[in-house]
N, C-alpha and C. Protein backbone atom coordinates (compact mmCIF):
# COMPACT_ATOMS: atom_id res chain seq x y z
N MET A 1 0.81 -1.19 0.11
CA MET A 1 -0.01 -0.01 0.03
C MET A 1 0.92 1.21 0.01
N LEU A 2 1.91 1.18 0.84
CA LEU A 2 2.89 2.40 0.88
C LEU A 2 3.57 2.53 -0.43
N THR A 3 3.90 1.51 -1.09
CA THR A 3 4.57 1.54 -2.41
C THR A 3 3.67 2.20 -3.43
N GLU A 4 2.34 1.68 -3.37
CA GLU A 4 1.36 2.26 -4.31
C GLU A 4 1.18 3.75 -4.19
N LEU A 5 1.07 4.14 -2.92
CA LEU A 5 1.04 5.64 -2.56
C LEU A 5 2.25 6.38 -3.02
N ALA A 6 3.39 5.87 -2.87
CA ALA A 6 4.67 6.52 -3.36
C ALA A 6 4.67 6.56 -4.88
N LEU A 7 4.15 5.53 -5.55
CA LEU A 7 4.14 5.64 -7.06
C LEU A 7 3.05 6.57 -7.69
N ARG A 8 1.96 6.69 -6.81
CA ARG A 8 1.01 7.72 -7.31
C ARG A 8 1.53 9.12 -7.03
N VAL A 9 2.19 9.38 -5.99
CA VAL A 9 2.75 10.71 -5.71
C VAL A 9 3.77 11.08 -6.77
N VAL A 10 4.65 10.11 -7.06
CA VAL A 10 5.72 10.31 -8.14
C VAL A 10 5.12 10.55 -9.44
N THR A 11 4.11 9.75 -9.85
CA THR A 11 3.48 9.88 -11.09
C THR A 11 2.81 11.25 -11.19
N ALA A 12 2.12 11.70 -10.08
CA ALA A 12 1.43 12.95 -10.05
C ALA A 12 2.32 14.13 -10.21
N LEU A 13 3.66 13.93 -9.64
CA LEU A 13 4.55 15.07 -9.80
C LEU A 13 5.34 15.10 -11.02
N ALA A 14 5.21 14.06 -11.89
CA ALA A 14 5.85 14.05 -13.16
C ALA A 14 5.19 15.13 -14.08
N PRO A 15 6.00 15.72 -15.03
CA PRO A 15 5.33 16.70 -15.95
C PRO A 15 4.43 16.05 -16.97
N ALA A 16 3.46 16.70 -17.42
CA ALA A 16 2.45 16.22 -18.35
C ALA A 16 3.11 16.05 -19.76
N PRO A 17 2.71 15.05 -20.50
CA PRO A 17 3.33 14.86 -21.83
C PRO A 17 2.92 15.88 -22.72
N GLU A 18 3.62 16.16 -23.85
CA GLU A 18 3.34 17.22 -24.83
C GLU A 18 1.90 17.13 -25.34
N GLY A 19 1.19 18.22 -25.36
CA GLY A 19 -0.06 18.25 -25.85
C GLY A 19 -1.13 17.74 -24.91
N ALA A 20 -0.79 17.20 -23.73
CA ALA A 20 -1.80 16.88 -22.62
C ALA A 20 -2.21 18.14 -21.87
N PRO A 21 -3.33 18.16 -21.34
CA PRO A 21 -3.73 19.25 -20.51
C PRO A 21 -2.83 19.32 -19.24
N SER A 22 -2.59 20.47 -18.74
CA SER A 22 -1.76 20.62 -17.64
C SER A 22 -2.35 20.02 -16.36
N THR A 23 -1.49 19.42 -15.59
CA THR A 23 -1.99 18.79 -14.35
C THR A 23 -1.28 19.41 -13.12
N GLU A 24 -0.95 20.59 -13.22
CA GLU A 24 -0.25 21.40 -12.14
C GLU A 24 -1.30 21.51 -11.12
N GLY A 25 -0.94 21.28 -9.90
CA GLY A 25 -1.81 21.45 -8.68
C GLY A 25 -2.54 20.18 -8.30
N HIS A 26 -2.53 19.11 -9.20
CA HIS A 26 -3.17 17.86 -8.85
C HIS A 26 -2.38 17.13 -7.81
N ALA A 27 -1.10 17.21 -7.84
CA ALA A 27 -0.28 16.52 -6.80
C ALA A 27 -0.48 17.14 -5.47
N MET A 28 -0.63 18.41 -5.51
CA MET A 28 -0.85 19.06 -4.09
C MET A 28 -2.28 18.64 -3.56
N VAL A 29 -3.26 18.57 -4.42
CA VAL A 29 -4.56 18.17 -3.95
C VAL A 29 -4.50 16.87 -3.43
N MET A 30 -3.80 15.87 -4.04
CA MET A 30 -3.67 14.52 -3.65
C MET A 30 -2.98 14.35 -2.29
N VAL A 31 -1.98 15.17 -2.14
CA VAL A 31 -1.26 15.21 -0.86
C VAL A 31 -1.95 15.65 0.17
N ILE A 32 -2.87 16.71 0.01
CA ILE A 32 -3.73 17.20 0.96
C ILE A 32 -4.79 16.22 1.30
N PHE A 33 -5.38 15.49 0.35
CA PHE A 33 -6.42 14.48 0.53
C PHE A 33 -5.89 13.44 1.40
N TYR A 34 -4.67 12.87 1.05
CA TYR A 34 -4.11 11.77 1.89
C TYR A 34 -3.70 12.31 3.31
N GLY A 35 -3.32 13.52 3.39
CA GLY A 35 -2.93 14.03 4.70
C GLY A 35 -4.26 14.14 5.58
N GLY A 36 -5.33 14.71 4.90
CA GLY A 36 -6.53 14.82 5.59
C GLY A 36 -7.06 13.44 6.07
N LEU A 37 -6.88 12.42 5.07
CA LEU A 37 -7.41 11.09 5.35
C LEU A 37 -6.65 10.50 6.63
N PHE A 38 -5.35 10.74 6.61
CA PHE A 38 -4.54 10.29 7.85
C PHE A 38 -4.94 10.91 9.07
N ALA A 39 -5.19 12.27 8.96
CA ALA A 39 -5.60 13.01 10.17
C ALA A 39 -6.97 12.53 10.72
N VAL A 40 -7.92 12.20 9.85
CA VAL A 40 -9.19 11.71 10.26
C VAL A 40 -8.95 10.36 11.00
N PHE A 41 -8.22 9.41 10.41
CA PHE A 41 -7.92 8.12 10.98
C PHE A 41 -7.24 8.27 12.38
N TYR A 42 -6.21 9.22 12.36
CA TYR A 42 -5.51 9.43 13.65
C TYR A 42 -6.48 9.95 14.79
N PHE A 43 -7.32 10.90 14.44
CA PHE A 43 -8.12 11.47 15.59
C PHE A 43 -9.24 10.59 15.90
N MET A 44 -9.79 9.80 14.88
CA MET A 44 -10.97 9.01 15.17
C MET A 44 -10.62 7.52 15.76
N LEU A 45 -9.44 7.02 15.38
CA LEU A 45 -9.09 5.59 15.76
C LEU A 45 -7.76 5.52 16.63
N ILE A 46 -6.70 6.06 16.14
CA ILE A 46 -5.44 5.85 16.77
C ILE A 46 -5.33 6.55 18.07
N ARG A 47 -5.64 7.85 18.15
CA ARG A 47 -5.49 8.64 19.30
C ARG A 47 -6.37 8.16 20.48
N PRO A 48 -7.65 7.90 20.31
CA PRO A 48 -8.50 7.47 21.40
C PRO A 48 -8.00 6.09 21.96
N GLN A 49 -7.50 5.11 21.07
CA GLN A 49 -7.05 3.86 21.54
C GLN A 49 -5.74 4.15 22.40
N THR A 50 -4.82 4.91 21.93
CA THR A 50 -3.60 5.23 22.64
C THR A 50 -3.92 5.84 24.02
N LYS A 51 -4.95 6.78 24.07
CA LYS A 51 -5.37 7.31 25.31
C LYS A 51 -5.92 6.40 26.22
N ARG A 52 -6.73 5.42 25.79
CA ARG A 52 -7.33 4.41 26.55
C ARG A 52 -6.28 3.48 27.12
N THR A 53 -5.26 3.12 26.32
CA THR A 53 -4.15 2.24 26.73
C THR A 53 -3.39 2.82 27.88
N LYS A 54 -3.13 4.17 27.69
CA LYS A 54 -2.36 4.77 28.83
C LYS A 54 -3.21 4.88 30.15
N GLU A 55 -4.50 5.13 30.09
CA GLU A 55 -5.35 5.07 31.20
C GLU A 55 -5.35 3.81 31.88
N VAL A 56 -5.41 2.67 31.12
CA VAL A 56 -5.46 1.33 31.75
C VAL A 56 -4.03 1.00 32.34
N GLN A 57 -3.11 1.38 31.73
CA GLN A 57 -1.75 1.13 32.39
C GLN A 57 -1.53 1.93 33.66
N ALA A 58 -2.01 3.28 33.63
CA ALA A 58 -1.92 3.93 34.91
C ALA A 58 -2.78 3.38 36.03
N MET A 59 -4.02 2.84 35.62
CA MET A 59 -4.79 2.14 36.66
C MET A 59 -4.19 0.86 37.16
N GLN A 60 -3.52 0.15 36.26
CA GLN A 60 -2.88 -1.07 36.75
C GLN A 60 -1.63 -0.88 37.56
N SER A 61 -1.03 0.31 37.28
CA SER A 61 0.15 0.48 38.15
C SER A 61 -0.20 1.05 39.60
N SER A 62 -1.42 1.62 39.70
CA SER A 62 -1.88 2.14 40.89
C SER A 62 -2.74 1.17 41.80
N LEU A 63 -2.86 -0.07 41.29
CA LEU A 63 -3.67 -1.05 42.11
C LEU A 63 -3.03 -1.32 43.45
N GLY A 64 -3.95 -1.59 44.43
CA GLY A 64 -3.53 -1.86 45.75
C GLY A 64 -4.32 -3.07 46.36
N LYS A 65 -3.90 -3.50 47.51
CA LYS A 65 -4.61 -4.54 48.16
C LYS A 65 -5.84 -4.16 48.65
N GLY A 66 -6.92 -4.98 48.34
CA GLY A 66 -8.19 -4.63 48.76
C GLY A 66 -9.12 -4.00 47.69
N ASP A 67 -8.49 -3.65 46.46
CA ASP A 67 -9.27 -3.06 45.46
C ASP A 67 -10.18 -4.12 44.74
N SER A 68 -11.34 -3.74 44.43
CA SER A 68 -12.22 -4.64 43.67
C SER A 68 -12.06 -4.45 42.22
N VAL A 69 -11.79 -5.53 41.45
CA VAL A 69 -11.39 -5.41 40.07
C VAL A 69 -12.23 -6.41 39.22
N ILE A 70 -12.00 -6.07 37.85
CA ILE A 70 -12.60 -7.15 36.91
C ILE A 70 -11.37 -7.47 35.98
N THR A 71 -11.23 -8.74 35.63
CA THR A 71 -10.19 -9.22 34.85
C THR A 71 -10.57 -9.22 33.44
N SER A 72 -9.62 -9.45 32.62
CA SER A 72 -9.95 -9.45 31.20
C SER A 72 -10.81 -10.60 30.73
N SER A 73 -10.98 -11.56 31.56
CA SER A 73 -11.79 -12.65 31.36
C SER A 73 -13.14 -12.58 31.93
N GLY A 74 -13.43 -11.31 32.52
CA GLY A 74 -14.78 -11.16 33.12
C GLY A 74 -14.90 -11.60 34.52
N ILE A 75 -13.86 -11.95 35.23
CA ILE A 75 -14.05 -12.46 36.60
C ILE A 75 -13.89 -11.31 37.51
N TYR A 76 -14.86 -11.10 38.48
CA TYR A 76 -14.82 -10.16 39.49
C TYR A 76 -14.10 -10.69 40.66
N GLY A 77 -13.36 -9.80 41.33
CA GLY A 77 -12.60 -10.26 42.59
C GLY A 77 -11.97 -9.04 43.20
N THR A 78 -11.37 -9.41 44.29
CA THR A 78 -10.58 -8.50 45.20
C THR A 78 -9.08 -8.79 45.20
N ILE A 79 -8.30 -7.75 45.11
CA ILE A 79 -6.87 -8.04 45.19
C ILE A 79 -6.50 -8.42 46.49
N TYR A 80 -5.78 -9.57 46.58
CA TYR A 80 -5.31 -10.08 47.87
C TYR A 80 -3.86 -9.73 48.08
N LYS A 81 -3.09 -9.81 47.08
CA LYS A 81 -1.69 -9.56 47.25
C LYS A 81 -1.06 -9.14 45.86
N ILE A 82 -0.12 -8.23 45.85
CA ILE A 82 0.52 -7.82 44.63
C ILE A 82 2.02 -7.89 44.76
N LYS A 83 2.75 -8.63 43.81
CA LYS A 83 4.15 -8.72 43.94
C LYS A 83 4.70 -8.54 42.56
N ASP A 84 5.35 -7.42 42.20
CA ASP A 84 5.93 -7.06 40.94
C ASP A 84 4.78 -7.19 39.88
N ASP A 85 4.85 -8.00 38.97
CA ASP A 85 3.82 -8.18 37.83
C ASP A 85 2.77 -9.16 38.14
N VAL A 86 2.82 -9.87 39.29
CA VAL A 86 1.93 -10.96 39.62
C VAL A 86 0.96 -10.39 40.69
N VAL A 87 -0.38 -10.59 40.39
CA VAL A 87 -1.39 -10.15 41.34
C VAL A 87 -2.26 -11.38 41.68
N THR A 88 -2.51 -11.55 43.09
CA THR A 88 -3.28 -12.60 43.55
C THR A 88 -4.77 -12.03 43.77
N VAL A 89 -5.72 -12.47 43.10
CA VAL A 89 -7.05 -12.00 43.20
C VAL A 89 -7.94 -12.99 43.78
N GLN A 90 -8.60 -12.61 44.95
CA GLN A 90 -9.50 -13.49 45.58
C GLN A 90 -10.94 -13.40 44.98
N ILE A 91 -11.38 -14.46 44.34
CA ILE A 91 -12.62 -14.49 43.68
C ILE A 91 -13.77 -14.97 44.48
N ALA A 92 -13.53 -15.73 45.41
CA ALA A 92 -14.56 -16.29 46.43
C ALA A 92 -13.84 -16.44 47.75
N GLU A 93 -14.56 -16.90 48.81
CA GLU A 93 -13.90 -17.11 50.02
C GLU A 93 -12.94 -18.29 49.88
N ASN A 94 -11.67 -18.02 50.36
CA ASN A 94 -10.58 -19.04 50.26
C ASN A 94 -10.33 -19.53 48.76
N VAL A 95 -10.61 -18.75 47.77
CA VAL A 95 -10.31 -19.10 46.36
C VAL A 95 -9.58 -17.77 45.80
N ARG A 96 -8.25 -18.18 45.68
CA ARG A 96 -7.40 -17.04 45.15
C ARG A 96 -6.65 -17.61 43.81
N VAL A 97 -6.57 -16.63 42.92
CA VAL A 97 -5.99 -16.86 41.59
C VAL A 97 -4.91 -15.94 41.30
N LYS A 98 -3.77 -16.46 40.88
CA LYS A 98 -2.51 -15.58 40.43
C LYS A 98 -2.76 -15.24 39.02
N MET A 99 -2.44 -14.02 38.70
CA MET A 99 -2.49 -13.54 37.31
C MET A 99 -1.58 -12.39 37.04
N GLN A 100 -1.34 -12.14 35.80
CA GLN A 100 -0.53 -10.98 35.53
C GLN A 100 -1.36 -9.65 35.84
N ARG A 101 -0.64 -8.63 36.16
CA ARG A 101 -1.14 -7.33 36.41
C ARG A 101 -1.92 -6.85 35.20
N SER A 102 -1.44 -7.22 33.97
CA SER A 102 -2.11 -6.65 32.77
C SER A 102 -3.38 -7.37 32.48
N ALA A 103 -3.71 -8.49 33.20
CA ALA A 103 -4.99 -9.10 33.00
C ALA A 103 -6.14 -8.37 33.72
N ILE A 104 -5.89 -7.37 34.51
CA ILE A 104 -6.84 -6.56 35.21
C ILE A 104 -7.25 -5.39 34.33
N THR A 105 -8.42 -5.35 33.94
CA THR A 105 -8.89 -4.31 32.92
C THR A 105 -9.67 -3.21 33.57
N GLU A 106 -10.23 -3.36 34.75
CA GLU A 106 -11.06 -2.29 35.35
C GLU A 106 -10.94 -2.39 36.82
N ARG A 107 -11.02 -1.26 37.49
CA ARG A 107 -11.12 -1.21 38.98
C ARG A 107 -12.60 -0.68 39.21
N LEU A 108 -13.23 -1.46 40.02
CA LEU A 108 -14.66 -1.12 40.47
C LEU A 108 -14.57 -0.03 41.49
N LYS A 109 -15.66 0.93 41.43
CA LYS A 109 -15.79 1.89 42.41
C LYS A 109 -16.33 1.28 43.75
N GLU A 110 -16.29 1.99 44.74
CA GLU A 110 -16.78 1.58 46.07
C GLU A 110 -18.24 1.20 46.01
N SER A 111 -19.03 2.01 45.29
CA SER A 111 -20.44 1.66 45.15
C SER A 111 -20.77 0.40 44.46
N ASP A 112 -19.93 0.12 43.41
CA ASP A 112 -20.13 -1.05 42.62
C ASP A 112 -19.72 -2.31 43.46
N SER A 113 -18.54 -2.22 44.19
CA SER A 113 -18.16 -3.39 44.84
C SER A 113 -19.17 -3.63 45.96
N ASN A 114 -19.86 -2.65 46.59
CA ASN A 114 -20.84 -3.01 47.53
C ASN A 114 -22.03 -3.72 47.03
N LYS A 115 -22.45 -3.32 45.78
CA LYS A 115 -23.58 -4.00 45.15
C LYS A 115 -23.24 -5.48 44.89
N LEU A 116 -21.92 -5.80 44.58
CA LEU A 116 -21.63 -7.20 44.23
C LEU A 116 -21.66 -8.00 45.57
N GLU A 117 -21.24 -7.41 46.71
CA GLU A 117 -21.21 -8.25 47.93
C GLU A 117 -22.62 -8.53 48.50
N GLY A 118 -23.57 -7.57 48.23
CA GLY A 118 -24.90 -7.66 48.83
C GLY A 118 -25.87 -8.36 47.95
């Protein structure tokens, strides 16, 4: 795809053959079009995903013992112990599961965790 784009740009920048209508300005329009297309993709797809990834990483680094969490597999639990990149999550009474810190996708608010217990 990148090669095709480069070929189109080079072809558009080439001078017109003798007797052909002038194509001056077409290359600039094409560059502006592709630049605008990239900007739309960046602001609609890439930037929000990057922002969400940073938020999740910040949340994962600030986890502490006793936090109610949801794992990437949808399991609700409470953090029992954290050591480096390994988190022990208690999912039921006397049932603890070790998992990577990156497997935790969401921290529940106090009000949400009270609803689960009750």
